[in-house]
Amino acid sequence: MTLDEILHNVADQDRGKELELADPIDSKPTGIKLWIVGPDSDTANRARIAFADELAEMADIEGKISATNREKARLNALARHVIRWDIVEAGQPVPFTTANLLRLLRVHWVQQQVDAFAVDRTAHRGDA
């Protein structure tokens, strides 16, 4: 692998790849599609830095962070990996907003699928 190939892959990962959420019971497609950046993308790197900054801001004088705040920061970081979506409800597209995205990510099985996809380098190969 050349340096150019590595750098091209980083740029390609910033374009995101499609993940269609699967029903957690029967694994059937839900029709909900999210585009998620890869783990080596600049967007993912900024998400990691923002996560660390957010935790630092939440820390009390002794450096402690509540579990509630840690979870909030974790979900915010995960949300930063999603760059768009295709969700239709009652025949209308659901607006892609941070509030709507965080509402979806509060569902544990959704978090699991998004998190697993976001760290999967094979899912973010240029030819995948």
N, C-alpha and C. Protein backbone atom coordinates (compact mmCIF):
# COMPACT_ATOMS: atom_id res chain seq x y z
N MET A 1 0.85 -1.18 0.00
CA MET A 1 0.00 0.00 0.00
C MET A 1 0.89 1.24 0.00
N THR A 2 0.54 2.21 -0.83
CA THR A 2 1.32 3.43 -0.93
C THR A 2 0.73 4.51 -0.02
N LEU A 3 1.51 5.56 0.20
CA LEU A 3 1.03 6.70 0.98
C LEU A 3 -0.19 7.32 0.31
N ASP A 4 -0.15 7.45 -1.01
CA ASP A 4 -1.30 8.01 -1.73
C ASP A 4 -2.56 7.17 -1.52
N GLU A 5 -2.42 5.86 -1.52
CA GLU A 5 -3.58 4.97 -1.30
C GLU A 5 -4.14 5.15 0.11
N ILE A 6 -3.25 5.28 1.07
CA ILE A 6 -3.69 5.48 2.47
C ILE A 6 -4.45 6.79 2.59
N LEU A 7 -3.88 7.86 2.05
CA LEU A 7 -4.52 9.18 2.15
C LEU A 7 -5.82 9.23 1.36
N HIS A 8 -5.87 8.55 0.23
CA HIS A 8 -7.11 8.49 -0.55
C HIS A 8 -8.19 7.76 0.26
N ASN A 9 -7.80 6.69 0.96
CA ASN A 9 -8.77 5.94 1.77
C ASN A 9 -9.33 6.81 2.89
N VAL A 10 -8.49 7.63 3.51
CA VAL A 10 -8.97 8.54 4.56
C VAL A 10 -10.01 9.49 3.98
N ALA A 11 -9.70 10.06 2.83
CA ALA A 11 -10.65 10.98 2.19
C ALA A 11 -11.94 10.25 1.80
N ASP A 12 -11.81 9.03 1.29
CA ASP A 12 -12.98 8.25 0.90
C ASP A 12 -13.85 7.94 2.13
N GLN A 13 -13.22 7.66 3.25
CA GLN A 13 -13.98 7.36 4.47
C GLN A 13 -14.78 8.57 4.94
N ASP A 14 -14.32 9.77 4.63
CA ASP A 14 -15.06 10.97 5.02
C ASP A 14 -16.36 11.13 4.23
N ARG A 15 -16.48 10.46 3.09
CA ARG A 15 -17.72 10.52 2.31
C ARG A 15 -18.80 9.64 2.92
N GLY A 16 -18.40 8.73 3.79
CA GLY A 16 -19.35 7.86 4.46
C GLY A 16 -19.82 6.70 3.60
N LYS A 17 -20.30 5.69 4.27
CA LYS A 17 -20.88 4.51 3.61
C LYS A 17 -22.28 4.29 4.20
N GLU A 18 -23.13 3.72 3.39
CA GLU A 18 -24.51 3.50 3.80
C GLU A 18 -24.64 2.28 4.72
N LEU A 19 -25.36 2.48 5.79
CA LEU A 19 -25.77 1.39 6.69
C LEU A 19 -27.28 1.40 6.74
N GLU A 20 -27.90 0.29 6.36
CA GLU A 20 -29.34 0.16 6.57
C GLU A 20 -29.53 -0.59 7.87
N LEU A 21 -30.23 0.05 8.81
CA LEU A 21 -30.46 -0.60 10.10
C LEU A 21 -31.27 -1.87 9.90
N ALA A 22 -30.94 -2.87 10.68
CA ALA A 22 -31.64 -4.15 10.64
C ALA A 22 -32.45 -4.33 11.91
N ASP A 23 -33.63 -4.88 11.76
CA ASP A 23 -34.47 -5.17 12.92
C ASP A 23 -33.68 -6.06 13.88
N PRO A 24 -33.66 -5.72 15.17
CA PRO A 24 -32.85 -6.48 16.11
C PRO A 24 -33.37 -7.88 16.39
N ILE A 25 -34.60 -8.17 16.04
CA ILE A 25 -35.18 -9.48 16.31
C ILE A 25 -35.01 -10.43 15.13
N ASP A 26 -35.41 -9.97 13.94
CA ASP A 26 -35.37 -10.88 12.78
C ASP A 26 -34.32 -10.50 11.73
N SER A 27 -33.56 -9.46 11.99
CA SER A 27 -32.48 -8.99 11.10
C SER A 27 -32.96 -8.50 9.74
N LYS A 28 -34.24 -8.29 9.58
CA LYS A 28 -34.76 -7.77 8.31
C LYS A 28 -34.46 -6.28 8.21
N PRO A 29 -34.23 -5.78 6.98
CA PRO A 29 -33.96 -4.35 6.80
C PRO A 29 -35.14 -3.50 7.27
N THR A 30 -34.84 -2.39 7.91
CA THR A 30 -35.87 -1.50 8.43
C THR A 30 -36.26 -0.40 7.45
N GLY A 31 -35.42 -0.19 6.44
CA GLY A 31 -35.66 0.93 5.52
C GLY A 31 -35.00 2.21 6.00
N ILE A 32 -34.47 2.20 7.20
CA ILE A 32 -33.77 3.38 7.74
C ILE A 32 -32.31 3.28 7.34
N LYS A 33 -31.85 4.29 6.59
CA LYS A 33 -30.48 4.29 6.09
C LYS A 33 -29.70 5.47 6.66
N LEU A 34 -28.51 5.17 7.14
CA LEU A 34 -27.61 6.18 7.69
C LEU A 34 -26.30 6.12 6.91
N TRP A 35 -25.71 7.27 6.66
CA TRP A 35 -24.38 7.32 6.06
C TRP A 35 -23.40 7.68 7.16
N ILE A 36 -22.43 6.79 7.34
CA ILE A 36 -21.51 6.86 8.48
C ILE A 36 -20.09 6.93 7.96
N VAL A 37 -19.31 7.86 8.53
CA VAL A 37 -17.90 7.98 8.14
C VAL A 37 -17.11 6.83 8.73
N GLY A 38 -15.97 6.54 8.10
CA GLY A 38 -15.10 5.46 8.56
C GLY A 38 -14.23 5.87 9.72
N PRO A 39 -13.63 4.89 10.39
CA PRO A 39 -12.86 5.15 11.60
C PRO A 39 -11.57 5.93 11.37
N ASP A 40 -11.07 5.95 10.13
CA ASP A 40 -9.83 6.67 9.84
C ASP A 40 -10.08 8.03 9.19
N SER A 41 -11.33 8.42 9.07
CA SER A 41 -11.67 9.69 8.43
C SER A 41 -11.31 10.87 9.32
N ASP A 42 -11.16 12.02 8.68
CA ASP A 42 -10.92 13.25 9.45
C ASP A 42 -12.11 13.57 10.34
N THR A 43 -13.32 13.26 9.86
CA THR A 43 -14.52 13.50 10.66
C THR A 43 -14.51 12.66 11.94
N ALA A 44 -14.13 11.40 11.84
CA ALA A 44 -14.04 10.54 13.02
C ALA A 44 -12.96 11.05 13.98
N ASN A 45 -11.86 11.53 13.42
CA ASN A 45 -10.80 12.08 14.27
C ASN A 45 -11.30 13.31 15.02
N ARG A 46 -12.01 14.20 14.33
CA ARG A 46 -12.57 15.37 15.01
C ARG A 46 -13.59 14.96 16.07
N ALA A 47 -14.34 13.89 15.81
CA ALA A 47 -15.32 13.40 16.79
C ALA A 47 -14.61 12.92 18.06
N ARG A 48 -13.48 12.23 17.90
CA ARG A 48 -12.71 11.77 19.06
C ARG A 48 -12.18 12.95 19.87
N ILE A 49 -11.69 13.96 19.19
CA ILE A 49 -11.17 15.14 19.88
C ILE A 49 -12.29 15.89 20.59
N ALA A 50 -13.43 16.05 19.93
CA ALA A 50 -14.58 16.72 20.54
C ALA A 50 -15.07 15.95 21.76
N PHE A 51 -15.03 14.62 21.69
CA PHE A 51 -15.42 13.78 22.83
C PHE A 51 -14.52 14.07 24.03
N ALA A 52 -13.22 14.09 23.79
CA ALA A 52 -12.28 14.38 24.88
C ALA A 52 -12.50 15.77 25.45
N ASP A 53 -12.72 16.75 24.57
CA ASP A 53 -12.98 18.12 25.03
C ASP A 53 -14.27 18.19 25.84
N GLU A 54 -15.29 17.50 25.36
CA GLU A 54 -16.59 17.52 26.06
C GLU A 54 -16.46 16.90 27.45
N LEU A 55 -15.72 15.80 27.55
CA LEU A 55 -15.50 15.18 28.86
C LEU A 55 -14.74 16.11 29.78
N ALA A 56 -13.73 16.78 29.25
CA ALA A 56 -12.94 17.71 30.07
C ALA A 56 -13.83 18.84 30.60
N GLU A 57 -14.73 19.33 29.76
CA GLU A 57 -15.64 20.41 30.19
C GLU A 57 -16.64 19.92 31.24
N MET A 58 -16.99 18.65 31.20
CA MET A 58 -17.97 18.11 32.14
C MET A 58 -17.37 17.75 33.49
N ALA A 59 -16.06 17.62 33.53
CA ALA A 59 -15.41 17.18 34.77
C ALA A 59 -15.58 18.21 35.88
N ASP A 60 -15.79 17.70 37.08
CA ASP A 60 -15.87 18.60 38.23
C ASP A 60 -14.45 18.96 38.69
N ILE A 61 -14.35 19.65 39.78
CA ILE A 61 -13.06 20.14 40.28
C ILE A 61 -12.08 18.99 40.57
N GLU A 62 -12.62 17.82 40.89
CA GLU A 62 -11.78 16.65 41.17
C GLU A 62 -11.54 15.79 39.92
N GLY A 63 -12.06 16.23 38.79
CA GLY A 63 -11.87 15.49 37.55
C GLY A 63 -12.89 14.38 37.33
N LYS A 64 -13.91 14.31 38.16
CA LYS A 64 -14.92 13.27 38.03
C LYS A 64 -16.00 13.69 37.04
N ILE A 65 -16.51 12.70 36.33
CA ILE A 65 -17.58 12.91 35.36
C ILE A 65 -18.68 11.91 35.68
N SER A 66 -19.90 12.40 35.80
CA SER A 66 -21.01 11.50 36.12
C SER A 66 -21.26 10.55 34.96
N ALA A 67 -21.86 9.43 35.29
CA ALA A 67 -22.19 8.44 34.26
C ALA A 67 -23.17 9.04 33.24
N THR A 68 -24.08 9.87 33.71
CA THR A 68 -25.04 10.51 32.81
C THR A 68 -24.33 11.41 31.81
N ASN A 69 -23.38 12.21 32.30
CA ASN A 69 -22.65 13.09 31.40
C ASN A 69 -21.73 12.31 30.46
N ARG A 70 -21.12 11.26 30.95
CA ARG A 70 -20.25 10.44 30.11
C ARG A 70 -21.06 9.81 28.97
N GLU A 71 -22.26 9.34 29.29
CA GLU A 71 -23.13 8.74 28.27
C GLU A 71 -23.57 9.80 27.26
N LYS A 72 -23.89 10.99 27.72
CA LYS A 72 -24.27 12.08 26.82
C LYS A 72 -23.12 12.39 25.85
N ALA A 73 -21.91 12.47 26.36
CA ALA A 73 -20.74 12.75 25.52
C ALA A 73 -20.50 11.62 24.52
N ARG A 74 -20.70 10.38 24.96
CA ARG A 74 -20.50 9.22 24.09
C ARG A 74 -21.50 9.25 22.93
N LEU A 75 -22.75 9.53 23.22
CA LEU A 75 -23.77 9.60 22.17
C LEU A 75 -23.50 10.77 21.21
N ASN A 76 -23.05 11.89 21.74
CA ASN A 76 -22.70 13.02 20.89
C ASN A 76 -21.57 12.64 19.94
N ALA A 77 -20.58 11.91 20.46
CA ALA A 77 -19.46 11.48 19.62
C ALA A 77 -19.93 10.51 18.54
N LEU A 78 -20.79 9.59 18.91
CA LEU A 78 -21.32 8.64 17.92
C LEU A 78 -22.12 9.39 16.84
N ALA A 79 -22.92 10.36 17.26
CA ALA A 79 -23.72 11.14 16.31
C ALA A 79 -22.83 11.88 15.31
N ARG A 80 -21.66 12.30 15.73
CA ARG A 80 -20.75 13.02 14.83
C ARG A 80 -20.24 12.14 13.69
N HIS A 81 -20.41 10.84 13.80
CA HIS A 81 -19.99 9.92 12.74
C HIS A 81 -21.06 9.77 11.65
N VAL A 82 -22.28 10.19 11.93
CA VAL A 82 -23.38 10.08 10.97
C VAL A 82 -23.48 11.39 10.21
N ILE A 83 -23.36 11.32 8.89
CA ILE A 83 -23.33 12.56 8.10
C ILE A 83 -24.65 12.85 7.37
N ARG A 84 -25.50 11.86 7.23
CA ARG A 84 -26.83 12.07 6.65
C ARG A 84 -27.65 10.81 6.87
N TRP A 85 -28.93 10.91 6.53
CA TRP A 85 -29.80 9.73 6.64
C TRP A 85 -30.93 9.80 5.64
N ASP A 86 -31.60 8.67 5.51
CA ASP A 86 -32.80 8.57 4.69
C ASP A 86 -33.83 7.86 5.56
N ILE A 87 -34.72 8.66 6.15
CA ILE A 87 -35.78 8.12 7.01
C ILE A 87 -37.08 8.79 6.58
N VAL A 88 -38.07 7.97 6.33
CA VAL A 88 -39.39 8.48 5.96
C VAL A 88 -40.38 8.02 7.01
N GLU A 89 -41.20 8.96 7.46
CA GLU A 89 -42.22 8.64 8.45
C GLU A 89 -43.52 9.30 7.99
N ALA A 90 -44.57 8.52 7.92
CA ALA A 90 -45.87 9.00 7.45
C ALA A 90 -45.74 9.64 6.07
N GLY A 91 -44.89 9.04 5.22
CA GLY A 91 -44.73 9.52 3.86
C GLY A 91 -43.86 10.76 3.70
N GLN A 92 -43.33 11.27 4.79
CA GLN A 92 -42.51 12.48 4.75
C GLN A 92 -41.10 12.19 5.24
N PRO A 93 -40.08 12.81 4.62
CA PRO A 93 -38.72 12.62 5.12
C PRO A 93 -38.57 13.25 6.51
N VAL A 94 -37.87 12.55 7.38
CA VAL A 94 -37.59 13.08 8.71
C VAL A 94 -36.36 13.97 8.59
N PRO A 95 -36.45 15.23 9.06
CA PRO A 95 -35.30 16.13 8.95
C PRO A 95 -34.08 15.57 9.68
N PHE A 96 -32.93 15.71 9.03
CA PHE A 96 -31.66 15.28 9.62
C PHE A 96 -31.16 16.41 10.51
N THR A 97 -31.50 16.31 11.78
CA THR A 97 -31.04 17.29 12.77
C THR A 97 -30.34 16.55 13.90
N THR A 98 -29.53 17.27 14.63
CA THR A 98 -28.83 16.67 15.77
C THR A 98 -29.84 16.11 16.77
N ALA A 99 -30.89 16.87 17.05
CA ALA A 99 -31.90 16.41 18.01
C ALA A 99 -32.56 15.12 17.55
N ASN A 100 -32.94 15.04 16.28
CA ASN A 100 -33.56 13.82 15.76
C ASN A 100 -32.59 12.66 15.77
N LEU A 101 -31.34 12.93 15.39
CA LEU A 101 -30.33 11.87 15.38
C LEU A 101 -30.08 11.34 16.78
N LEU A 102 -29.96 12.22 17.76
CA LEU A 102 -29.74 11.78 19.14
C LEU A 102 -30.95 11.01 19.67
N ARG A 103 -32.13 11.40 19.24
CA ARG A 103 -33.35 10.67 19.62
C ARG A 103 -33.28 9.23 19.12
N LEU A 104 -32.84 9.05 17.87
CA LEU A 104 -32.70 7.71 17.30
C LEU A 104 -31.58 6.94 18.01
N LEU A 105 -30.47 7.60 18.28
CA LEU A 105 -29.33 6.92 18.89
C LEU A 105 -29.56 6.54 20.36
N ARG A 106 -30.59 7.04 20.96
CA ARG A 106 -30.91 6.65 22.34
C ARG A 106 -31.42 5.21 22.41
N VAL A 107 -31.80 4.66 21.26
CA VAL A 107 -32.25 3.27 21.20
C VAL A 107 -31.00 2.39 21.16
N HIS A 108 -30.86 1.51 22.14
CA HIS A 108 -29.62 0.77 22.33
C HIS A 108 -29.23 -0.07 21.11
N TRP A 109 -30.17 -0.77 20.50
CA TRP A 109 -29.80 -1.61 19.36
C TRP A 109 -29.36 -0.77 18.17
N VAL A 110 -29.89 0.43 18.04
CA VAL A 110 -29.44 1.34 16.98
C VAL A 110 -28.00 1.76 17.26
N GLN A 111 -27.72 2.13 18.51
CA GLN A 111 -26.35 2.49 18.90
C GLN A 111 -25.38 1.37 18.54
N GLN A 112 -25.76 0.16 18.87
CA GLN A 112 -24.87 -0.98 18.62
C GLN A 112 -24.53 -1.12 17.15
N GLN A 113 -25.55 -1.02 16.29
CA GLN A 113 -25.31 -1.18 14.86
C GLN A 113 -24.48 -0.03 14.30
N VAL A 114 -24.78 1.19 14.71
CA VAL A 114 -24.03 2.35 14.22
C VAL A 114 -22.59 2.29 14.72
N ASP A 115 -22.40 1.98 15.98
CA ASP A 115 -21.05 1.91 16.55
C ASP A 115 -20.22 0.83 15.86
N ALA A 116 -20.80 -0.34 15.66
CA ALA A 116 -20.08 -1.44 15.01
C ALA A 116 -19.70 -1.07 13.58
N PHE A 117 -20.60 -0.42 12.87
CA PHE A 117 -20.32 -0.03 11.49
C PHE A 117 -19.26 1.07 11.43
N ALA A 118 -19.32 2.01 12.37
CA ALA A 118 -18.39 3.14 12.37
C ALA A 118 -16.94 2.71 12.57
N VAL A 119 -16.72 1.60 13.26
CA VAL A 119 -15.35 1.15 13.52
C VAL A 119 -14.89 0.03 12.56
N ASP A 120 -15.76 -0.38 11.66
CA ASP A 120 -15.47 -1.49 10.75
C ASP A 120 -14.74 -0.98 9.50
N ARG A 121 -13.44 -1.16 9.48
CA ARG A 121 -12.65 -0.68 8.33
C ARG A 121 -13.02 -1.42 7.04
N THR A 122 -13.41 -2.66 7.13
CA THR A 122 -13.76 -3.39 5.91
C THR A 122 -15.01 -2.80 5.26
N ALA A 123 -15.92 -2.27 6.07
CA ALA A 123 -17.14 -1.65 5.53
C ALA A 123 -16.84 -0.33 4.84
N HIS A 124 -15.67 0.23 5.12
CA HIS A 124 -15.32 1.55 4.58
C HIS A 124 -14.19 1.51 3.56
N ARG A 125 -13.91 0.33 3.03
CA ARG A 125 -12.93 0.22 1.95
C ARG A 125 -13.48 0.94 0.73
N GLY A 126 -12.60 1.43 -0.09
CA GLY A 126 -13.02 2.13 -1.31
C GLY A 126 -13.82 1.26 -2.25
N ASP A 127 -13.58 -0.03 -2.26
CA ASP A 127 -14.28 -0.93 -3.18
C ASP A 127 -15.46 -1.63 -2.52
N ALA A 128 -15.75 -1.29 -1.26
CA ALA A 128 -16.85 -1.96 -0.54
C ALA A 128 -18.17 -1.31 -0.86
